[in-house]
Amino acid sequence: MTDPHAIKPGFTPPPDDVVIDEAAVLRLSELPDGALDRLVARYGLPLAWVPAGESIPGSFWGDDEAGIIGDTLYVRPDTAVHSALHEFAHIVCMDEGRRASAHTDAGSDDIEEEAVCYLQILMAEHLEGFGRERALSDMQAWGYTFRVGSPAEWFARDADRAVEWLLNLGLITRTKGTIEPTFRPRGTA
């Protein structure tokens, strides 16, 4: 992102006192080799790596932000890990029709955007070299803001709508208080 005042994923524009620290977030090149490839493959979806310095196709925000075209996630080595997970969660949460025609803009409503944020945090636990705490920290550094404040506060106290939406569509399961992704895109068995 080049405009520090642009609205980034989340639900409200960041307040003027929110400091966005892009340098603090982990980049895909810092993950173990093949880590993102393995996560995306668990969903049976394609991942396209763009060479350093080239534009990322389907990137809504531009620069080093991940992109989506159809069911394919586009990333570069300098893409922030949380950006890759966010856009990938959009692909997973889209119904089959939207996923087939998706290009750059995920076209989600507020509740789906919440679900995407929640799912990206769950996915972080299954991405070698990242994890939930790092995902929440990086989302905070990037300027994600929520009704209750930080991403960690939202995840712990205010994500009921997102959880219900994801459960109803079979994108997560809840067993004995543990919530996990099903590793299936919406609309697939």
C-alpha atoms as a PDB file:
ATOM      1  CA  MET A   1       0.000   0.000   0.000  1.00  0.00           C
ATOM      2  CA  THR A   2       1.319   3.370  -0.862  1.00  0.00           C
ATOM      3  CA  ASP A   3      -1.429   5.518   0.690  1.00  0.00           C
ATOM      4  CA  PRO A   4      -1.229   5.197   4.486  1.00  0.00           C
ATOM      5  CA  HIS A   5      -4.748   6.629   4.806  1.00  0.00           C
ATOM      6  CA  ALA A   6      -6.473   4.250   2.386  1.00  0.00           C
ATOM      7  CA  ILE A   7      -9.035   1.934   3.914  1.00  0.00           C
ATOM      8  CA  LYS A   8      -7.533  -1.530   4.210  1.00  0.00           C
ATOM      9  CA  PRO A   9      -9.406  -4.774   4.847  1.00  0.00           C
ATOM     10  CA  GLY A  10     -11.359  -4.635   8.070  1.00  0.00           C
ATOM     11  CA  PHE A  11     -14.559  -2.856   8.883  1.00  0.00           C
ATOM     12  CA  THR A  12     -13.842   0.778   9.551  1.00  0.00           C
ATOM     13  CA  PRO A  13     -11.262   3.265   8.365  1.00  0.00           C
ATOM     14  CA  PRO A  14      -8.366   3.355  10.798  1.00  0.00           C
ATOM     15  CA  PRO A  15      -8.535   6.241  13.242  1.00  0.00           C
ATOM     16  CA  ASP A  16      -6.010   9.017  12.716  1.00  0.00           C
ATOM     17  CA  ASP A  17      -3.942   7.738  15.647  1.00  0.00           C
ATOM     18  CA  VAL A  18      -3.470   4.235  14.157  1.00  0.00           C
ATOM     19  CA  VAL A  19       0.098   3.775  13.007  1.00  0.00           C
ATOM     20  CA  ILE A  20       0.464   1.464  10.026  1.00  0.00           C
ATOM     21  CA  ASP A  21       3.816  -0.313  10.015  1.00  0.00           C
ATOM     22  CA  GLU A  22       4.153  -2.176   6.724  1.00  0.00           C
ATOM     23  CA  ALA A  23       7.778  -3.068   7.487  1.00  0.00           C
ATOM     24  CA  ALA A  24       6.703  -5.047  10.571  1.00  0.00           C
ATOM     25  CA  VAL A  25       4.714  -7.695   8.698  1.00  0.00           C
ATOM     26  CA  LEU A  26       6.048 -11.058   7.563  1.00  0.00           C
ATOM     27  CA  ARG A  27       6.477 -11.525   3.805  1.00  0.00           C
ATOM     28  CA  LEU A  28       5.944 -14.769   1.884  1.00  0.00           C
ATOM     29  CA  SER A  29       9.668 -14.985   1.125  1.00  0.00           C
ATOM     30  CA  GLU A  30      10.268 -15.343   4.874  1.00  0.00           C
ATOM     31  CA  LEU A  31       8.130 -18.499   5.179  1.00  0.00           C
ATOM     32  CA  PRO A  32       9.621 -21.974   4.777  1.00  0.00           C
ATOM     33  CA  ASP A  33       9.814 -23.029   1.116  1.00  0.00           C
ATOM     34  CA  GLY A  34       6.484 -24.320  -0.152  1.00  0.00           C
ATOM     35  CA  ALA A  35       4.502 -23.376   2.969  1.00  0.00           C
ATOM     36  CA  LEU A  36       1.813 -21.358   1.171  1.00  0.00           C
ATOM     37  CA  ASP A  37       1.737 -23.840  -1.718  1.00  0.00           C
ATOM     38  CA  ARG A  38       0.924 -26.660   0.727  1.00  0.00           C
ATOM     39  CA  LEU A  39      -1.880 -24.719   2.419  1.00  0.00           C
ATOM     40  CA  VAL A  40      -3.518 -23.691  -0.854  1.00  0.00           C
ATOM     41  CA  ALA A  41      -3.188 -27.264  -2.175  1.00  0.00           C
ATOM     42  CA  ARG A  42      -5.164 -28.549   0.840  1.00  0.00           C
ATOM     43  CA  TYR A  43      -8.128 -26.641  -0.602  1.00  0.00           C
ATOM     44  CA  GLY A  44      -7.535 -27.994  -4.108  1.00  0.00           C
ATOM     45  CA  LEU A  45      -7.158 -24.488  -5.511  1.00  0.00           C
ATOM     46  CA  PRO A  46      -4.437 -22.970  -7.710  1.00  0.00           C
ATOM     47  CA  LEU A  47      -1.692 -20.615  -6.600  1.00  0.00           C
ATOM     48  CA  ALA A  48       0.292 -18.484  -9.053  1.00  0.00           C
ATOM     49  CA  TRP A  49       3.645 -16.994  -8.078  1.00  0.00           C
ATOM     50  CA  VAL A  50       4.502 -13.747  -9.850  1.00  0.00           C
ATOM     51  CA  PRO A  51       8.208 -12.931 -10.304  1.00  0.00           C
ATOM     52  CA  ALA A  52       9.647 -10.150  -8.138  1.00  0.00           C
ATOM     53  CA  GLY A  53       9.159  -6.714  -9.667  1.00  0.00           C
ATOM     54  CA  GLU A  54       6.197  -7.702 -11.860  1.00  0.00           C
ATOM     55  CA  SER A  55       2.646  -6.474 -11.265  1.00  0.00           C
ATOM     56  CA  ILE A  56       0.373  -8.874  -9.427  1.00  0.00           C
ATOM     57  CA  PRO A  57      -2.678  -9.717 -11.558  1.00  0.00           C
ATOM     58  CA  GLY A  58      -6.022  -9.248  -9.837  1.00  0.00           C
ATOM     59  CA  SER A  59      -4.612  -7.147  -6.973  1.00  0.00           C
ATOM     60  CA  PHE A  60      -7.293  -4.800  -5.628  1.00  0.00           C
ATOM     61  CA  TRP A  61      -4.809  -2.681  -3.670  1.00  0.00           C
ATOM     62  CA  GLY A  62      -1.884  -2.901  -6.100  1.00  0.00           C
ATOM     63  CA  ASP A  63       1.794  -2.850  -5.139  1.00  0.00           C
ATOM     64  CA  ASP A  64       2.677  -6.094  -3.323  1.00  0.00           C
ATOM     65  CA  GLU A  65      -0.889  -7.031  -2.310  1.00  0.00           C
ATOM     66  CA  ALA A  66      -2.202 -10.471  -3.296  1.00  0.00           C
ATOM     67  CA  GLY A  67      -4.600 -10.770  -6.212  1.00  0.00           C
ATOM     68  CA  ILE A  68      -7.491 -12.973  -7.264  1.00  0.00           C
ATOM     69  CA  ILE A  69      -8.703 -13.981 -10.686  1.00  0.00           C
ATOM     70  CA  GLY A  70     -11.230 -16.786 -10.745  1.00  0.00           C
ATOM     71  CA  ASP A  71     -10.192 -19.419  -8.243  1.00  0.00           C
ATOM     72  CA  THR A  72      -6.493 -18.519  -8.486  1.00  0.00           C
ATOM     73  CA  LEU A  73      -4.533 -16.650  -5.825  1.00  0.00           C
ATOM     74  CA  TYR A  74      -1.691 -14.481  -7.204  1.00  0.00           C
ATOM     75  CA  VAL A  75       1.263 -13.535  -5.000  1.00  0.00           C
ATOM     76  CA  ARG A  76       4.880 -12.376  -5.155  1.00  0.00           C
ATOM     77  CA  PRO A  77       7.679 -13.185  -2.729  1.00  0.00           C
ATOM     78  CA  ASP A  78       7.276  -9.706  -1.174  1.00  0.00           C
ATOM     79  CA  THR A  79       3.515 -10.099  -0.616  1.00  0.00           C
ATOM     80  CA  ALA A  80       2.565  -9.842   3.051  1.00  0.00           C
ATOM     81  CA  VAL A  81       1.521 -13.237   4.393  1.00  0.00           C
ATOM     82  CA  HIS A  82      -1.686 -11.808   5.870  1.00  0.00           C
ATOM     83  CA  SER A  83      -2.574 -10.327   2.451  1.00  0.00           C
ATOM     84  CA  ALA A  84      -2.177 -13.727   0.783  1.00  0.00           C
ATOM     85  CA  LEU A  85      -4.329 -15.373   3.458  1.00  0.00           C
ATOM     86  CA  HIS A  86      -6.983 -12.650   3.255  1.00  0.00           C
ATOM     87  CA  GLU A  87      -7.398 -12.885  -0.513  1.00  0.00           C
ATOM     88  CA  PHE A  88      -7.250 -16.677  -0.383  1.00  0.00           C
ATOM     89  CA  ALA A  89      -9.980 -16.701   2.270  1.00  0.00           C
ATOM     90  CA  HIS A  90     -12.078 -14.577  -0.098  1.00  0.00           C
ATOM     91  CA  ILE A  91     -11.698 -17.237  -2.788  1.00  0.00           C
ATOM     92  CA  VAL A  92     -12.657 -19.973  -0.310  1.00  0.00           C
ATOM     93  CA  CYS A  93     -15.710 -18.029   0.926  1.00  0.00           C
ATOM     94  CA  MET A  94     -17.110 -17.172  -2.522  1.00  0.00           C
ATOM     95  CA  ASP A  95     -19.881 -19.325  -3.939  1.00  0.00           C
ATOM     96  CA  GLU A  96     -18.946 -21.232  -7.084  1.00  0.00           C
ATOM     97  CA  GLY A  97     -20.487 -18.683  -9.461  1.00  0.00           C
ATOM     98  CA  ARG A  98     -18.660 -15.716  -7.946  1.00  0.00           C
ATOM     99  CA  ARG A  99     -15.444 -17.699  -7.690  1.00  0.00           C
ATOM    100  CA  ALA A 100     -15.597 -18.570 -11.412  1.00  0.00           C
ATOM    101  CA  SER A 101     -15.993 -14.922 -12.449  1.00  0.00           C
ATOM    102  CA  ALA A 102     -13.950 -13.204  -9.721  1.00  0.00           C
ATOM    103  CA  HIS A 103     -11.452 -10.630 -10.890  1.00  0.00           C
ATOM    104  CA  THR A 104      -9.667  -8.236  -8.512  1.00  0.00           C
ATOM    105  CA  ASP A 105     -12.688  -7.268  -6.363  1.00  0.00           C
ATOM    106  CA  ALA A 106     -14.046 -10.057  -4.170  1.00  0.00           C
ATOM    107  CA  GLY A 107     -17.426  -8.326  -4.055  1.00  0.00           C
ATOM    108  CA  SER A 108     -18.226  -9.422  -0.512  1.00  0.00           C
ATOM    109  CA  ASP A 109     -20.681  -7.867   1.904  1.00  0.00           C
ATOM    110  CA  ASP A 110     -19.888  -6.948   5.523  1.00  0.00           C
ATOM    111  CA  ILE A 111     -20.678 -10.354   7.028  1.00  0.00           C
ATOM    112  CA  GLU A 112     -18.624 -12.183   4.417  1.00  0.00           C
ATOM    113  CA  GLU A 113     -15.738  -9.765   4.998  1.00  0.00           C
ATOM    114  CA  GLU A 114     -15.895 -10.625   8.702  1.00  0.00           C
ATOM    115  CA  ALA A 115     -15.897 -14.330   7.820  1.00  0.00           C
ATOM    116  CA  VAL A 116     -12.889 -13.836   5.539  1.00  0.00           C
ATOM    117  CA  CYS A 117     -10.950 -12.144   8.343  1.00  0.00           C
ATOM    118  CA  TYR A 118     -11.850 -14.921  10.768  1.00  0.00           C
ATOM    119  CA  LEU A 119     -10.932 -17.670   8.304  1.00  0.00           C
ATOM    120  CA  GLN A 120      -7.590 -16.059   7.463  1.00  0.00           C
ATOM    121  CA  ILE A 121      -6.730 -16.147  11.179  1.00  0.00           C
ATOM    122  CA  LEU A 122      -7.695 -19.833  11.394  1.00  0.00           C
ATOM    123  CA  MET A 123      -5.683 -20.608   8.254  1.00  0.00           C
ATOM    124  CA  ALA A 124      -2.647 -18.962   9.842  1.00  0.00           C
ATOM    125  CA  GLU A 125      -2.444 -21.849  12.317  1.00  0.00           C
ATOM    126  CA  HIS A 126      -2.007 -24.213   9.366  1.00  0.00           C
ATOM    127  CA  LEU A 127       0.616 -22.150   7.557  1.00  0.00           C
ATOM    128  CA  GLU A 128       4.102 -23.269   8.526  1.00  0.00           C
ATOM    129  CA  GLY A 129       6.172 -20.385   9.843  1.00  0.00           C
ATOM    130  CA  PHE A 130       3.222 -18.074  10.579  1.00  0.00           C
ATOM    131  CA  GLY A 131       0.546 -18.939  13.178  1.00  0.00           C
ATOM    132  CA  ARG A 132      -2.410 -17.175  14.771  1.00  0.00           C
ATOM    133  CA  GLU A 133      -0.503 -14.778  17.023  1.00  0.00           C
ATOM    134  CA  ARG A 134       1.674 -13.565  14.158  1.00  0.00           C
ATOM    135  CA  ALA A 135      -1.398 -13.175  11.931  1.00  0.00           C
ATOM    136  CA  LEU A 136      -3.126 -11.027  14.550  1.00  0.00           C
ATOM    137  CA  SER A 137       0.029  -8.983  15.125  1.00  0.00           C
ATOM    138  CA  ASP A 138       0.534  -8.417  11.399  1.00  0.00           C
ATOM    139  CA  MET A 139      -3.115  -7.472  10.899  1.00  0.00           C
ATOM    140  CA  GLN A 140      -2.713  -4.927  13.696  1.00  0.00           C
ATOM    141  CA  ALA A 141       0.485  -3.542  12.143  1.00  0.00           C
ATOM    142  CA  TRP A 142      -1.228  -3.267   8.762  1.00  0.00           C
ATOM    143  CA  GLY A 143      -4.066  -1.195  10.194  1.00  0.00           C
ATOM    144  CA  TYR A 144      -6.988  -3.614  10.381  1.00  0.00           C
ATOM    145  CA  THR A 145      -9.558  -2.089  12.718  1.00  0.00           C
ATOM    146  CA  PHE A 146     -12.778  -3.498  14.125  1.00  0.00           C
ATOM    147  CA  ARG A 147     -15.740  -2.295  16.172  1.00  0.00           C
ATOM    148  CA  VAL A 148     -14.110  -3.493  19.395  1.00  0.00           C
ATOM    149  CA  GLY A 149     -10.606  -2.350  18.511  1.00  0.00           C
ATOM    150  CA  SER A 150      -7.704  -4.610  17.593  1.00  0.00           C
ATOM    151  CA  PRO A 151      -7.897  -7.768  15.495  1.00  0.00           C
ATOM    152  CA  ALA A 152      -7.078  -9.842  18.603  1.00  0.00           C
ATOM    153  CA  GLU A 153      -9.931  -8.277  20.581  1.00  0.00           C
ATOM    154  CA  TRP A 154     -12.340  -8.828  17.693  1.00  0.00           C
ATOM    155  CA  PHE A 155     -11.251 -12.451  17.208  1.00  0.00           C
ATOM    156  CA  ALA A 156     -11.656 -13.221  20.920  1.00  0.00           C
ATOM    157  CA  ARG A 157     -14.830 -11.243  21.692  1.00  0.00           C
ATOM    158  CA  ASP A 158     -16.815 -10.116  18.675  1.00  0.00           C
ATOM    159  CA  ALA A 159     -16.556 -12.657  15.857  1.00  0.00           C
ATOM    160  CA  ASP A 160     -19.794 -14.577  16.519  1.00  0.00           C
ATOM    161  CA  ARG A 161     -21.396 -13.496  13.222  1.00  0.00           C
ATOM    162  CA  ALA A 162     -18.345 -14.634  11.268  1.00  0.00           C
ATOM    163  CA  VAL A 163     -18.216 -17.995  13.059  1.00  0.00           C
ATOM    164  CA  GLU A 164     -21.930 -18.626  12.457  1.00  0.00           C
ATOM    165  CA  TRP A 165     -21.623 -17.695   8.760  1.00  0.00           C
ATOM    166  CA  LEU A 166     -18.627 -19.990   8.270  1.00  0.00           C
ATOM    167  CA  LEU A 167     -20.280 -22.859  10.175  1.00  0.00           C
ATOM    168  CA  ASN A 168     -23.502 -22.558   8.152  1.00  0.00           C
ATOM    169  CA  LEU A 169     -21.548 -22.875   4.904  1.00  0.00           C
ATOM    170  CA  GLY A 170     -19.400 -25.778   6.110  1.00  0.00           C
ATOM    171  CA  LEU A 171     -16.159 -23.815   5.872  1.00  0.00           C
ATOM    172  CA  ILE A 172     -15.244 -24.462   9.505  1.00  0.00           C
ATOM    173  CA  THR A 173     -16.122 -27.061  12.134  1.00  0.00           C
ATOM    174  CA  ARG A 174     -16.515 -26.691  15.881  1.00  0.00           C
ATOM    175  CA  THR A 175     -15.671 -29.730  18.007  1.00  0.00           C
ATOM    176  CA  LYS A 176     -15.432 -29.550  21.799  1.00  0.00           C
ATOM    177  CA  GLY A 177     -14.828 -25.796  21.679  1.00  0.00           C
ATOM    178  CA  THR A 178     -12.156 -26.014  18.978  1.00  0.00           C
ATOM    179  CA  ILE A 179     -12.810 -24.311  15.651  1.00  0.00           C
ATOM    180  CA  GLU A 180     -10.911 -25.516  12.586  1.00  0.00           C
ATOM    181  CA  PRO A 181     -11.121 -24.917   8.841  1.00  0.00           C
ATOM    182  CA  THR A 182     -12.631 -27.746   6.785  1.00  0.00           C
ATOM    183  CA  PHE A 183     -10.143 -27.120   3.943  1.00  0.00           C
ATOM    184  CA  ARG A 184     -12.998 -27.054   1.425  1.00  0.00           C
ATOM    185  CA  PRO A 185     -14.009 -24.079  -0.708  1.00  0.00           C
ATOM    186  CA  ARG A 186     -17.635 -23.041  -0.442  1.00  0.00           C
ATOM    187  CA  GLY A 187     -19.934 -25.187  -2.537  1.00  0.00           C
ATOM    188  CA  THR A 188     -17.657 -28.235  -2.727  1.00  0.00           C
ATOM    189  CA  ALA A 189     -18.176 -31.550  -1.006  1.00  0.00           C
END
